[in-house]
Amino acid sequence: MTGTGIGRRTLLGTAGLTLLAAPAIIGNRAAFAQDSSKASRKLAIDRVIPPDIHKFKVGSFEVLVVKDGARPSGVPNETFGINQSAETVGALLSENFLPTDQFVNGFSPTLIDTGSDVILFDTGFGKAGRAQGAGRLIEGMAAAGYMPADVTIVVLTHMHGDHIGGLMEDGKPAFENARYVAGQKEYDFWTDPARVGTPAEGGQKGVLANVKPLAEKITFIGDGADVVPGITSMAAFGHSPGHLIFNVESAGKRLILTADTANHFVLSLQRPEWEVKFDMDKTAAAATRKKVFDMVSTDKVAFLGYHMPFPAVGYAERQETGYRFVPKSYQFDI
C-alpha cells in the first residue's frame, strides 16, 4: 500500500490528538517516547499527508520503500544518452509514451527489517531537500511505524548527496542508535584532499559534513561483504568510484538493491550503453549496467532501483538492445 491513502483523521486522530496518539501509525514503538526523538516527532506531524510508502516481504524480511521526494529534472537528453542526438533520445522516449522535453526523478531509500536488525539503505536528501519537497524519509518511516532510533544499521550504497543528505539532522546523527556500513573505496575517494579544486569538490563537501563525522562508527567494506546474514555487497563501480549494490535473500526469496546502477527505467535500461551525465566513469558504468541487468534478467530476480518509478521495484526483461522494466505486481503478496 502507499501512504497517500491516509487521510487527515487517520494521521492526526480525532480533535486534539496528534500522531503521538495514533498507534496504527507509530506501531507502538517505545523509541517514539524518547526525548531524543522530539525532532523526529515534530517532523512526522508537520504535514497532513505523509509521503508515499510501500511495504512488502522478501522471505521473512519486511521491506519498506519510502518516497523521499521527486522532481522534474529538465531535458532528458542532457542527462541520459549524452553521447546520442536529442532526436534519438526523444524517439525512444516517445516510443515508451514519455515526454521528450522533461523527465521526473524520484528518490527511494529502503528499510529492511530482518527481525533482528532494522537496516536503512541510503538516507535521501534530509533537511537540505525539504524546501523543495524532498527529505521526507523520516516522515515515511513514521507512517510505517519506525522511528529514527529504531534503525540499527545504515548502509550507504555510495556517497552522492541524494543518498547521504539525511545522515545528519541539525548537526547530530539522525539515526542515533545506528552503526554504519559503507564502501572503503568510495569513502577514500571522497575524503581525499585531491578532490579540492576538481568537479568533485562539491560532493566532497557533502561527505565531509555528513559522513566523515560518523567515521568511527562505520564498517568499511568492499565486494562480497555480509552486512547481516542474507544481505551481501556486490561491487558495481562506475556511477561512483566505489558504488555498491546488495543481494538480499531470505527463505528462498531474493531481491537486488541496484541503487544507481540504472537511473531511468527506459533510457538507462533499454539502452544501457548510453552515457549518463552523473556517471563518474561512464565506460565502467555502462559495463556495470550490462553485467548487473544481465544477471537480474537471467535469474529472473526482482530488483529495487533508487530512481525507478515508485515503488521502485520490478524485473528486467531482456530485449535486443537492453532490458524492459516490468514493475512488480502481487508476486510478493502470495
C-alpha atoms as a PDB file:
ATOM      1  CA  MET A   1       0.000   0.000   0.000  1.00  0.00           C
ATOM      2  CA  THR A   2       1.031   3.596  -0.297  1.00  0.00           C
ATOM      3  CA  GLY A   3       0.803   6.357   2.268  1.00  0.00           C
ATOM      4  CA  THR A   4      -1.352   8.533   0.034  1.00  0.00           C
ATOM      5  CA  GLY A   5      -4.441   6.726   1.265  1.00  0.00           C
ATOM      6  CA  ILE A   6      -4.030   8.048   4.809  1.00  0.00           C
ATOM      7  CA  GLY A   7      -6.330  10.974   5.381  1.00  0.00           C
ATOM      8  CA  ARG A   8      -6.248  13.772   7.923  1.00  0.00           C
ATOM      9  CA  ARG A   9      -8.278  11.940  10.572  1.00  0.00           C
ATOM     10  CA  THR A  10      -6.194   8.792  10.206  1.00  0.00           C
ATOM     11  CA  LEU A  11      -2.916  10.646  10.551  1.00  0.00           C
ATOM     12  CA  LEU A  12      -3.817  13.193  13.198  1.00  0.00           C
ATOM     13  CA  GLY A  13      -6.600  11.400  15.005  1.00  0.00           C
ATOM     14  CA  THR A  14      -9.787  12.993  16.321  1.00  0.00           C
ATOM     15  CA  ALA A  15      -9.921  16.522  17.725  1.00  0.00           C
ATOM     16  CA  GLY A  16      -6.945  17.393  19.888  1.00  0.00           C
ATOM     17  CA  LEU A  17      -4.985  14.247  19.048  1.00  0.00           C
ATOM     18  CA  THR A  18      -1.650  14.134  17.244  1.00  0.00           C
ATOM     19  CA  LEU A  19       0.474  11.395  15.805  1.00  0.00           C
ATOM     20  CA  LEU A  20       1.509  10.553  19.369  1.00  0.00           C
ATOM     21  CA  ALA A  21      -1.965   9.105  19.875  1.00  0.00           C
ATOM     22  CA  ALA A  22      -2.071   7.072  16.676  1.00  0.00           C
ATOM     23  CA  PRO A  23      -0.700   3.587  17.432  1.00  0.00           C
ATOM     24  CA  ALA A  24      -1.657   2.356  13.963  1.00  0.00           C
ATOM     25  CA  ILE A  25       0.806   4.833  12.535  1.00  0.00           C
ATOM     26  CA  ILE A  26       3.685   4.559  15.011  1.00  0.00           C
ATOM     27  CA  GLY A  27       3.421   0.847  15.640  1.00  0.00           C
ATOM     28  CA  ASN A  28       3.677   1.257  19.408  1.00  0.00           C
ATOM     29  CA  ARG A  29       7.396   1.915  19.119  1.00  0.00           C
ATOM     30  CA  ALA A  30       8.841   2.619  22.551  1.00  0.00           C
ATOM     31  CA  ALA A  31      11.522   4.755  20.929  1.00  0.00           C
ATOM     32  CA  PHE A  32       8.840   7.280  19.996  1.00  0.00           C
ATOM     33  CA  ALA A  33       8.590   8.316  23.622  1.00  0.00           C
ATOM     34  CA  GLN A  34      12.277   9.103  23.992  1.00  0.00           C
ATOM     35  CA  ASP A  35      13.269  12.738  24.380  1.00  0.00           C
ATOM     36  CA  SER A  36      15.915  12.234  21.718  1.00  0.00           C
ATOM     37  CA  SER A  37      13.177  11.665  19.143  1.00  0.00           C
ATOM     38  CA  LYS A  38      11.431  15.022  19.651  1.00  0.00           C
ATOM     39  CA  ALA A  39      12.721  16.440  16.393  1.00  0.00           C
ATOM     40  CA  SER A  40      11.529  13.347  14.562  1.00  0.00           C
ATOM     41  CA  ARG A  41       8.075  13.550  16.168  1.00  0.00           C
ATOM     42  CA  LYS A  42       7.713  17.183  15.111  1.00  0.00           C
ATOM     43  CA  LEU A  43       8.844  16.360  11.584  1.00  0.00           C
ATOM     44  CA  ALA A  44       6.372  13.473  11.368  1.00  0.00           C
ATOM     45  CA  ILE A  45       3.376  15.733  12.027  1.00  0.00           C
ATOM     46  CA  ASP A  46       4.442  18.821  10.092  1.00  0.00           C
ATOM     47  CA  ARG A  47       2.396  17.690   7.083  1.00  0.00           C
ATOM     48  CA  VAL A  48      -1.099  16.256   6.932  1.00  0.00           C
ATOM     49  CA  ILE A  49      -0.387  13.863   4.052  1.00  0.00           C
ATOM     50  CA  PRO A  50       2.592  11.557   4.609  1.00  0.00           C
ATOM     51  CA  PRO A  51       4.899  10.647   1.741  1.00  0.00           C
ATOM     52  CA  ASP A  52       4.249   7.573  -0.356  1.00  0.00           C
ATOM     53  CA  ILE A  53       5.383   4.351   1.262  1.00  0.00           C
ATOM     54  CA  HIS A  54       5.254   0.752   0.100  1.00  0.00           C
ATOM     55  CA  LYS A  55       5.702  -2.420   2.156  1.00  0.00           C
ATOM     56  CA  PHE A  56       6.292  -5.981   1.021  1.00  0.00           C
ATOM     57  CA  LYS A  57       8.126  -9.091   2.187  1.00  0.00           C
ATOM     58  CA  VAL A  58      11.170 -10.911   0.875  1.00  0.00           C
ATOM     59  CA  GLY A  59      11.010 -14.228   2.665  1.00  0.00           C
ATOM     60  CA  SER A  60      10.941 -13.358   6.355  1.00  0.00           C
ATOM     61  CA  PHE A  61      12.375  -9.865   5.779  1.00  0.00           C
ATOM     62  CA  GLU A  62       9.993  -6.908   5.791  1.00  0.00           C
ATOM     63  CA  VAL A  63      10.871  -4.249   3.225  1.00  0.00           C
ATOM     64  CA  LEU A  64       9.731  -0.631   3.363  1.00  0.00           C
ATOM     65  CA  VAL A  65      10.298   1.753   0.449  1.00  0.00           C
ATOM     66  CA  VAL A  66       9.862   5.472   1.167  1.00  0.00           C
ATOM     67  CA  LYS A  67       9.498   8.156  -1.473  1.00  0.00           C
ATOM     68  CA  ASP A  68      11.909  10.763  -0.148  1.00  0.00           C
ATOM     69  CA  GLY A  69      10.798  13.081  -2.934  1.00  0.00           C
ATOM     70  CA  ALA A  70      10.537  13.535  -6.696  1.00  0.00           C
ATOM     71  CA  ARG A  71      11.233  16.423  -9.021  1.00  0.00           C
ATOM     72  CA  PRO A  72      11.066  17.402 -12.694  1.00  0.00           C
ATOM     73  CA  SER A  73      14.619  17.335 -13.969  1.00  0.00           C
ATOM     74  CA  GLY A  74      14.946  19.117 -17.259  1.00  0.00           C
ATOM     75  CA  VAL A  75      15.556  17.934 -20.806  1.00  0.00           C
ATOM     76  CA  PRO A  76      16.197  14.160 -20.740  1.00  0.00           C
ATOM     77  CA  ASN A  77      18.982  14.068 -23.329  1.00  0.00           C
ATOM     78  CA  GLU A  78      21.044  16.490 -21.240  1.00  0.00           C
ATOM     79  CA  THR A  79      21.288  13.770 -18.576  1.00  0.00           C
ATOM     80  CA  PHE A  80      20.741  10.448 -20.377  1.00  0.00           C
ATOM     81  CA  GLY A  81      22.186   9.496 -23.735  1.00  0.00           C
ATOM     82  CA  ILE A  82      24.520  12.466 -23.727  1.00  0.00           C
ATOM     83  CA  ASN A  83      26.542  10.695 -26.440  1.00  0.00           C
ATOM     84  CA  GLN A  84      23.400  10.479 -28.605  1.00  0.00           C
ATOM     85  CA  SER A  85      21.440  13.084 -30.544  1.00  0.00           C
ATOM     86  CA  ALA A  86      18.437  14.741 -28.957  1.00  0.00           C
ATOM     87  CA  GLU A  87      16.303  13.226 -31.723  1.00  0.00           C
ATOM     88  CA  THR A  88      17.477   9.684 -30.925  1.00  0.00           C
ATOM     89  CA  VAL A  89      16.779  10.077 -27.215  1.00  0.00           C
ATOM     90  CA  GLY A  90      13.428  11.732 -27.907  1.00  0.00           C
ATOM     91  CA  ALA A  91      12.383   8.938 -30.257  1.00  0.00           C
ATOM     92  CA  LEU A  92      12.975   6.290 -27.584  1.00  0.00           C
ATOM     93  CA  LEU A  93      11.003   8.309 -25.047  1.00  0.00           C
ATOM     94  CA  SER A  94       8.099   8.749 -27.481  1.00  0.00           C
ATOM     95  CA  GLU A  95       8.060   5.017 -28.201  1.00  0.00           C
ATOM     96  CA  ASN A  96       7.583   4.496 -24.464  1.00  0.00           C
ATOM     97  CA  PHE A  97       4.783   7.085 -24.097  1.00  0.00           C
ATOM     98  CA  LEU A  98       7.024   9.582 -22.296  1.00  0.00           C
ATOM     99  CA  PRO A  99       7.501  13.308 -22.947  1.00  0.00           C
ATOM    100  CA  THR A 100      10.680  14.387 -24.661  1.00  0.00           C
ATOM    101  CA  ASP A 101      11.144  17.771 -23.004  1.00  0.00           C
ATOM    102  CA  GLN A 102      11.298  16.780 -19.325  1.00  0.00           C
ATOM    103  CA  PHE A 103      11.606  13.785 -17.019  1.00  0.00           C
ATOM    104  CA  VAL A 104      10.794  13.110 -13.375  1.00  0.00           C
ATOM    105  CA  ASN A 105      13.452  11.839 -10.995  1.00  0.00           C
ATOM    106  CA  GLY A 106      12.331  10.029  -7.836  1.00  0.00           C
ATOM    107  CA  PHE A 107      14.345   9.049  -4.756  1.00  0.00           C
ATOM    108  CA  SER A 108      13.584   5.872  -2.792  1.00  0.00           C
ATOM    109  CA  PRO A 109      15.524   4.998   0.377  1.00  0.00           C
ATOM    110  CA  THR A 110      14.742   1.484   1.588  1.00  0.00           C
ATOM    111  CA  LEU A 111      14.450  -0.043   5.037  1.00  0.00           C
ATOM    112  CA  ILE A 112      14.718  -3.790   5.668  1.00  0.00           C
ATOM    113  CA  ASP A 113      13.544  -5.246   8.968  1.00  0.00           C
ATOM    114  CA  THR A 114      15.139  -8.677   9.390  1.00  0.00           C
ATOM    115  CA  GLY A 115      13.563  -9.293  12.775  1.00  0.00           C
ATOM    116  CA  SER A 116      16.965  -8.815  14.406  1.00  0.00           C
ATOM    117  CA  ASP A 117      18.059  -5.595  12.736  1.00  0.00           C
ATOM    118  CA  VAL A 118      16.396  -2.598  11.142  1.00  0.00           C
ATOM    119  CA  ILE A 119      18.637  -1.714   8.208  1.00  0.00           C
ATOM    120  CA  LEU A 120      18.291   1.522   6.247  1.00  0.00           C
ATOM    121  CA  PHE A 121      19.806   1.725   2.774  1.00  0.00           C
ATOM    122  CA  ASP A 122      20.621   5.362   1.962  1.00  0.00           C
ATOM    123  CA  THR A 123      19.076   8.386   3.619  1.00  0.00           C
ATOM    124  CA  GLY A 124      17.705  10.705   0.953  1.00  0.00           C
ATOM    125  CA  PHE A 125      18.207  14.465   0.932  1.00  0.00           C
ATOM    126  CA  GLY A 126      17.465  15.186   4.579  1.00  0.00           C
ATOM    127  CA  LYS A 127      16.850  18.712   5.799  1.00  0.00           C
ATOM    128  CA  ALA A 128      18.536  20.317   2.792  1.00  0.00           C
ATOM    129  CA  GLY A 129      15.857  18.954   0.486  1.00  0.00           C
ATOM    130  CA  ARG A 130      12.737  19.903   2.424  1.00  0.00           C
ATOM    131  CA  ALA A 131      12.270  23.351   0.936  1.00  0.00           C
ATOM    132  CA  GLN A 132      11.877  21.602  -2.437  1.00  0.00           C
ATOM    133  CA  GLY A 133       9.506  18.939  -1.116  1.00  0.00           C
ATOM    134  CA  ALA A 134      12.100  16.207  -0.574  1.00  0.00           C
ATOM    135  CA  GLY A 135      13.772  14.972   2.614  1.00  0.00           C
ATOM    136  CA  ARG A 136      10.675  13.002   3.659  1.00  0.00           C
ATOM    137  CA  LEU A 137      12.314   9.747   4.704  1.00  0.00           C
ATOM    138  CA  ILE A 138      11.719  10.156   8.431  1.00  0.00           C
ATOM    139  CA  GLU A 139       8.063  11.033   7.846  1.00  0.00           C
ATOM    140  CA  GLY A 140       7.605   7.938   5.729  1.00  0.00           C
ATOM    141  CA  MET A 141       9.261   5.761   8.318  1.00  0.00           C
ATOM    142  CA  ALA A 142       6.957   7.177  10.988  1.00  0.00           C
ATOM    143  CA  ALA A 143       3.907   6.414   8.866  1.00  0.00           C
ATOM    144  CA  ALA A 144       5.068   2.787   8.744  1.00  0.00           C
ATOM    145  CA  GLY A 145       5.790   2.606  12.465  1.00  0.00           C
ATOM    146  CA  TYR A 146       9.550   3.221  12.532  1.00  0.00           C
ATOM    147  CA  MET A 147      11.381   5.972  14.340  1.00  0.00           C
ATOM    148  CA  PRO A 148      14.989   7.001  13.642  1.00  0.00           C
ATOM    149  CA  ALA A 149      16.057   5.424  16.948  1.00  0.00           C
ATOM    150  CA  ASP A 150      14.806   2.046  15.691  1.00  0.00           C
ATOM    151  CA  VAL A 151      17.410   1.890  12.935  1.00  0.00           C
ATOM    152  CA  THR A 152      20.330  -0.326  13.938  1.00  0.00           C
ATOM    153  CA  ILE A 153      22.363  -0.196  10.705  1.00  0.00           C
ATOM    154  CA  VAL A 154      22.616   2.469   7.995  1.00  0.00           C
ATOM    155  CA  VAL A 155      24.120   1.246   4.730  1.00  0.00           C
ATOM    156  CA  LEU A 156      25.402   3.688   2.131  1.00  0.00           C
ATOM    157  CA  THR A 157      25.425   2.388  -1.431  1.00  0.00           C
ATOM    158  CA  HIS A 158      27.541   5.390  -2.398  1.00  0.00           C
ATOM    159  CA  MET A 159      28.096   8.960  -1.280  1.00  0.00           C
ATOM    160  CA  HIS A 160      26.252  11.258  -3.677  1.00  0.00           C
ATOM    161  CA  GLY A 161      24.223  13.973  -1.962  1.00  0.00           C
ATOM    162  CA  ASP A 162      20.777  12.439  -2.506  1.00  0.00           C
ATOM    163  CA  HIS A 163      21.939   9.331  -0.634  1.00  0.00           C
ATOM    164  CA  ILE A 164      23.797  10.867   2.328  1.00  0.00           C
ATOM    165  CA  GLY A 165      21.890  14.105   2.988  1.00  0.00           C
ATOM    166  CA  GLY A 166      19.722  12.553   5.683  1.00  0.00           C
ATOM    167  CA  LEU A 167      22.572  11.175   7.790  1.00  0.00           C
ATOM    168  CA  MET A 168      22.738  14.276   9.972  1.00  0.00           C
ATOM    169  CA  GLU A 169      19.901  16.348  11.404  1.00  0.00           C
ATOM    170  CA  ASP A 170      20.765  19.764  12.850  1.00  0.00           C
ATOM    171  CA  GLY A 171      24.390  18.763  13.272  1.00  0.00           C
ATOM    172  CA  LYS A 172      23.658  15.475  15.032  1.00  0.00           C
ATOM    173  CA  PRO A 173      23.328  11.908  13.743  1.00  0.00           C
ATOM    174  CA  ALA A 174      19.748  11.422  12.565  1.00  0.00           C
ATOM    175  CA  PHE A 175      19.846   7.714  13.456  1.00  0.00           C
ATOM    176  CA  GLU A 176      21.246   7.878  16.940  1.00  0.00           C
ATOM    177  CA  ASN A 177      21.450   4.159  17.697  1.00  0.00           C
ATOM    178  CA  ALA A 178      22.816   3.017  14.350  1.00  0.00           C
ATOM    179  CA  ARG A 179      26.137   1.752  13.218  1.00  0.00           C
ATOM    180  CA  TYR A 180      27.102   2.333   9.595  1.00  0.00           C
ATOM    181  CA  VAL A 181      28.321   0.343   6.620  1.00  0.00           C
ATOM    182  CA  ALA A 182      29.942   1.977   3.587  1.00  0.00           C
ATOM    183  CA  GLY A 183      32.370   1.204   0.799  1.00  0.00           C
ATOM    184  CA  GLN A 184      36.029   1.711   1.622  1.00  0.00           C
ATOM    185  CA  LYS A 185      36.857   2.689  -1.964  1.00  0.00           C
ATOM    186  CA  GLU A 186      34.012   5.206  -2.029  1.00  0.00           C
ATOM    187  CA  TYR A 187      34.982   6.817   1.263  1.00  0.00           C
ATOM    188  CA  ASP A 188      38.647   7.030   0.342  1.00  0.00           C
ATOM    189  CA  PHE A 189      37.828   8.790  -2.934  1.00  0.00           C
ATOM    190  CA  TRP A 190      35.567  11.436  -1.445  1.00  0.00           C
ATOM    191  CA  THR A 191      37.750  12.235   1.572  1.00  0.00           C
ATOM    192  CA  ASP A 192      40.967  12.507  -0.446  1.00  0.00           C
ATOM    193  CA  PRO A 193      42.274  16.110  -0.413  1.00  0.00           C
ATOM    194  CA  ALA A 194      42.975  15.657  -4.135  1.00  0.00           C
ATOM    195  CA  ARG A 195      39.255  16.331  -4.765  1.00  0.00           C
ATOM    196  CA  VAL A 196      39.740  20.005  -3.840  1.00  0.00           C
ATOM    197  CA  GLY A 197      39.644  22.173  -6.928  1.00  0.00           C
ATOM    198  CA  THR A 198      38.099  19.449  -9.099  1.00  0.00           C
ATOM    199  CA  PRO A 199      34.475  18.943 -10.241  1.00  0.00           C
ATOM    200  CA  ALA A 200      34.119  16.507  -7.308  1.00  0.00           C
ATOM    201  CA  GLU A 201      34.793  19.192  -4.703  1.00  0.00           C
ATOM    202  CA  GLY A 202      31.109  19.958  -4.143  1.00  0.00           C
ATOM    203  CA  GLY A 203      30.355  16.311  -3.489  1.00  0.00           C
ATOM    204  CA  GLN A 204      33.338  16.075  -1.192  1.00  0.00           C
ATOM    205  CA  LYS A 205      31.964  18.887   0.975  1.00  0.00           C
ATOM    206  CA  GLY A 206      28.785  16.880   1.499  1.00  0.00           C
ATOM    207  CA  VAL A 207      30.771  13.798   2.501  1.00  0.00           C
ATOM    208  CA  LEU A 208      32.938  15.770   4.912  1.00  0.00           C
ATOM    209  CA  ALA A 209      29.824  17.269   6.524  1.00  0.00           C
ATOM    210  CA  ASN A 210      27.614  14.183   6.661  1.00  0.00           C
ATOM    211  CA  VAL A 211      29.759  11.053   6.501  1.00  0.00           C
ATOM    212  CA  LYS A 212      33.171  11.818   7.969  1.00  0.00           C
ATOM    213  CA  PRO A 213      31.794  12.793  11.425  1.00  0.00           C
ATOM    214  CA  LEU A 214      30.445   9.228  11.665  1.00  0.00           C
ATOM    215  CA  ALA A 215      33.671   7.511  10.563  1.00  0.00           C
ATOM    216  CA  GLU A 216      34.387   5.881  13.918  1.00  0.00           C
ATOM    217  CA  LYS A 217      31.055   4.048  13.710  1.00  0.00           C
ATOM    218  CA  ILE A 218      31.467   2.954  10.074  1.00  0.00           C
ATOM    219  CA  THR A 219      32.428  -0.538   8.991  1.00  0.00           C
ATOM    220  CA  PHE A 220      34.157  -0.124   5.638  1.00  0.00           C
ATOM    221  CA  ILE A 221      33.591  -2.910   3.132  1.00  0.00           C
ATOM    222  CA  GLY A 222      34.202  -3.975  -0.441  1.00  0.00           C
ATOM    223  CA  ASP A 223      32.799  -6.636  -2.732  1.00  0.00           C
ATOM    224  CA  GLY A 224      31.246  -9.744  -1.180  1.00  0.00           C
ATOM    225  CA  ALA A 225      30.857  -8.486   2.399  1.00  0.00           C
ATOM    226  CA  ASP A 226      27.964  -9.578   4.602  1.00  0.00           C
ATOM    227  CA  VAL A 227      26.055  -6.723   6.212  1.00  0.00           C
ATOM    228  CA  VAL A 228      23.996  -9.278   8.151  1.00  0.00           C
ATOM    229  CA  PRO A 229      23.195 -12.879   7.221  1.00  0.00           C
ATOM    230  CA  GLY A 230      21.264 -12.755   3.950  1.00  0.00           C
ATOM    231  CA  ILE A 231      22.452  -9.321   2.798  1.00  0.00           C
ATOM    232  CA  THR A 232      25.715  -9.181   0.829  1.00  0.00           C
ATOM    233  CA  SER A 233      27.501  -6.392  -1.012  1.00  0.00           C
ATOM    234  CA  MET A 234      28.386  -6.548  -4.708  1.00  0.00           C
ATOM    235  CA  ALA A 235      30.803  -4.207  -6.463  1.00  0.00           C
ATOM    236  CA  ALA A 236      29.058  -2.121  -9.130  1.00  0.00           C
ATOM    237  CA  PHE A 237      31.574   0.613  -9.842  1.00  0.00           C
ATOM    238  CA  GLY A 238      31.176   3.349 -12.417  1.00  0.00           C
ATOM    239  CA  HIS A 239      28.355   5.591 -11.298  1.00  0.00           C
ATOM    240  CA  SER A 240      30.738   6.469  -8.496  1.00  0.00           C
ATOM    241  CA  PRO A 241      34.199   5.057  -7.740  1.00  0.00           C
ATOM    242  CA  GLY A 242      33.039   2.666  -5.013  1.00  0.00           C
ATOM    243  CA  HIS A 243      29.341   2.207  -5.840  1.00  0.00           C
ATOM    244  CA  LEU A 244      27.919  -0.925  -4.187  1.00  0.00           C
ATOM    245  CA  ILE A 245      24.726  -2.880  -4.696  1.00  0.00           C
ATOM    246  CA  PHE A 246      23.294  -5.517  -2.369  1.00  0.00           C
ATOM    247  CA  ASN A 247      21.943  -9.027  -2.758  1.00  0.00           C
ATOM    248  CA  VAL A 248      19.097  -9.728  -0.317  1.00  0.00           C
ATOM    249  CA  GLU A 249      17.979 -13.312   0.333  1.00  0.00           C
ATOM    250  CA  SER A 250      15.569 -14.766   2.888  1.00  0.00           C
ATOM    251  CA  ALA A 251      13.623 -18.017   2.994  1.00  0.00           C
ATOM    252  CA  GLY A 252      14.273 -18.763  -0.666  1.00  0.00           C
ATOM    253  CA  LYS A 253      13.279 -15.282  -1.900  1.00  0.00           C
ATOM    254  CA  ARG A 254      15.670 -12.772  -3.437  1.00  0.00           C
ATOM    255  CA  LEU A 255      15.902  -9.056  -4.200  1.00  0.00           C
ATOM    256  CA  ILE A 256      18.775  -6.997  -5.593  1.00  0.00           C
ATOM    257  CA  LEU A 257      19.146  -3.413  -4.382  1.00  0.00           C
ATOM    258  CA  THR A 258      20.691  -1.885  -7.500  1.00  0.00           C
ATOM    259  CA  ALA A 259      20.991   1.665  -6.131  1.00  0.00           C
ATOM    260  CA  ASP A 260      22.092   3.959  -9.015  1.00  0.00           C
ATOM    261  CA  THR A 261      23.250   1.302 -11.454  1.00  0.00           C
ATOM    262  CA  ALA A 262      20.387   2.406 -13.725  1.00  0.00           C
ATOM    263  CA  ASN A 263      18.790   5.788 -13.119  1.00  0.00           C
ATOM    264  CA  HIS A 264      15.975   5.831 -15.676  1.00  0.00           C
ATOM    265  CA  PHE A 265      13.624   2.950 -16.297  1.00  0.00           C
ATOM    266  CA  VAL A 266      13.682   3.472 -20.068  1.00  0.00           C
ATOM    267  CA  LEU A 267      16.801   5.396 -21.042  1.00  0.00           C
ATOM    268  CA  SER A 268      19.212   3.504 -18.772  1.00  0.00           C
ATOM    269  CA  LEU A 269      17.657   0.047 -19.149  1.00  0.00           C
ATOM    270  CA  GLN A 270      16.638  -0.130 -22.796  1.00  0.00           C
ATOM    271  CA  ARG A 271      19.936   1.485 -23.817  1.00  0.00           C
ATOM    272  CA  PRO A 272      22.415   0.554 -21.084  1.00  0.00           C
ATOM    273  CA  GLU A 273      25.397   1.632 -23.204  1.00  0.00           C
ATOM    274  CA  TRP A 274      24.187   5.252 -23.431  1.00  0.00           C
ATOM    275  CA  GLU A 275      26.264   7.640 -21.369  1.00  0.00           C
ATOM    276  CA  VAL A 276      24.750   9.296 -18.314  1.00  0.00           C
ATOM    277  CA  LYS A 277      25.841  12.739 -17.151  1.00  0.00           C
ATOM    278  CA  PHE A 278      26.147  11.791 -13.476  1.00  0.00           C
ATOM    279  CA  ASP A 279      28.082   8.560 -14.026  1.00  0.00           C
ATOM    280  CA  MET A 280      31.582   9.472 -12.930  1.00  0.00           C
ATOM    281  CA  ASP A 281      33.250   6.769 -15.059  1.00  0.00           C
ATOM    282  CA  LYS A 282      30.894   6.444 -17.999  1.00  0.00           C
ATOM    283  CA  THR A 283      32.554   3.449 -19.624  1.00  0.00           C
ATOM    284  CA  ALA A 284      32.674   1.482 -16.375  1.00  0.00           C
ATOM    285  CA  ALA A 285      29.092   2.460 -15.513  1.00  0.00           C
ATOM    286  CA  ALA A 286      27.794   1.169 -18.851  1.00  0.00           C
ATOM    287  CA  ALA A 287      29.671  -2.108 -18.409  1.00  0.00           C
ATOM    288  CA  THR A 288      28.267  -2.438 -14.879  1.00  0.00           C
ATOM    289  CA  ARG A 289      24.721  -1.842 -16.109  1.00  0.00           C
ATOM    290  CA  LYS A 290      25.041  -4.645 -18.625  1.00  0.00           C
ATOM    291  CA  LYS A 291      26.623  -7.014 -16.102  1.00  0.00           C
ATOM    292  CA  VAL A 292      24.081  -6.353 -13.348  1.00  0.00           C
ATOM    293  CA  PHE A 293      20.977  -6.452 -15.520  1.00  0.00           C
ATOM    294  CA  ASP A 294      22.182  -9.496 -17.413  1.00  0.00           C
ATOM    295  CA  MET A 295      22.202 -11.179 -14.007  1.00  0.00           C
ATOM    296  CA  VAL A 296      18.829  -9.735 -12.991  1.00  0.00           C
ATOM    297  CA  SER A 297      17.167 -10.766 -16.254  1.00  0.00           C
ATOM    298  CA  THR A 298      18.817 -14.205 -16.468  1.00  0.00           C
ATOM    299  CA  ASP A 299      17.998 -15.086 -12.854  1.00  0.00           C
ATOM    300  CA  LYS A 300      14.534 -13.502 -13.153  1.00  0.00           C
ATOM    301  CA  VAL A 301      15.142 -11.868  -9.810  1.00  0.00           C
ATOM    302  CA  ALA A 302      13.417  -8.680  -8.637  1.00  0.00           C
ATOM    303  CA  PHE A 303      15.427  -5.514  -8.215  1.00  0.00           C
ATOM    304  CA  LEU A 304      14.874  -2.251  -6.389  1.00  0.00           C
ATOM    305  CA  GLY A 305      16.447   0.789  -8.054  1.00  0.00           C
ATOM    306  CA  TYR A 306      16.766   4.048  -6.150  1.00  0.00           C
ATOM    307  CA  HIS A 307      15.473   6.109  -9.095  1.00  0.00           C
ATOM    308  CA  MET A 308      12.995   3.671 -10.618  1.00  0.00           C
ATOM    309  CA  PRO A 309       9.290   4.687 -10.723  1.00  0.00           C
ATOM    310  CA  PHE A 310       7.867   4.381  -7.224  1.00  0.00           C
ATOM    311  CA  PRO A 311       7.702   1.912  -5.504  1.00  0.00           C
ATOM    312  CA  ALA A 312      10.928   1.327  -7.413  1.00  0.00           C
ATOM    313  CA  VAL A 313      10.662  -2.474  -7.565  1.00  0.00           C
ATOM    314  CA  GLY A 314      10.428  -4.612 -10.667  1.00  0.00           C
ATOM    315  CA  TYR A 315      12.059  -7.012 -13.067  1.00  0.00           C
ATOM    316  CA  ALA A 316      14.258  -6.623 -16.132  1.00  0.00           C
ATOM    317  CA  GLU A 317      13.146  -8.437 -19.279  1.00  0.00           C
ATOM    318  CA  ARG A 318      15.938  -8.905 -21.788  1.00  0.00           C
ATOM    319  CA  GLN A 319      15.432  -7.214 -25.166  1.00  0.00           C
ATOM    320  CA  GLU A 320      17.597  -6.978 -28.269  1.00  0.00           C
ATOM    321  CA  THR A 321      19.031  -3.595 -27.257  1.00  0.00           C
ATOM    322  CA  GLY A 322      18.821  -3.849 -23.480  1.00  0.00           C
ATOM    323  CA  TYR A 323      16.097  -4.532 -20.929  1.00  0.00           C
ATOM    324  CA  ARG A 324      12.456  -3.645 -20.349  1.00  0.00           C
ATOM    325  CA  PHE A 325      11.406  -2.624 -16.856  1.00  0.00           C
ATOM    326  CA  VAL A 326       8.471  -4.708 -15.600  1.00  0.00           C
ATOM    327  CA  PRO A 327       7.010  -3.281 -12.360  1.00  0.00           C
ATOM    328  CA  LYS A 328       6.225  -5.744  -9.622  1.00  0.00           C
ATOM    329  CA  SER A 329       2.607  -6.690  -9.037  1.00  0.00           C
ATOM    330  CA  TYR A 330       1.404  -9.270  -6.497  1.00  0.00           C
ATOM    331  CA  GLN A 331       4.474 -11.531  -6.596  1.00  0.00           C
ATOM    332  CA  PHE A 332       5.438 -10.714  -3.014  1.00  0.00           C
ATOM    333  CA  ASP A 333       1.891 -10.906  -1.648  1.00  0.00           C
ATOM    334  CA  ILE A 334       1.262 -14.635  -2.104  1.00  0.00           C
END
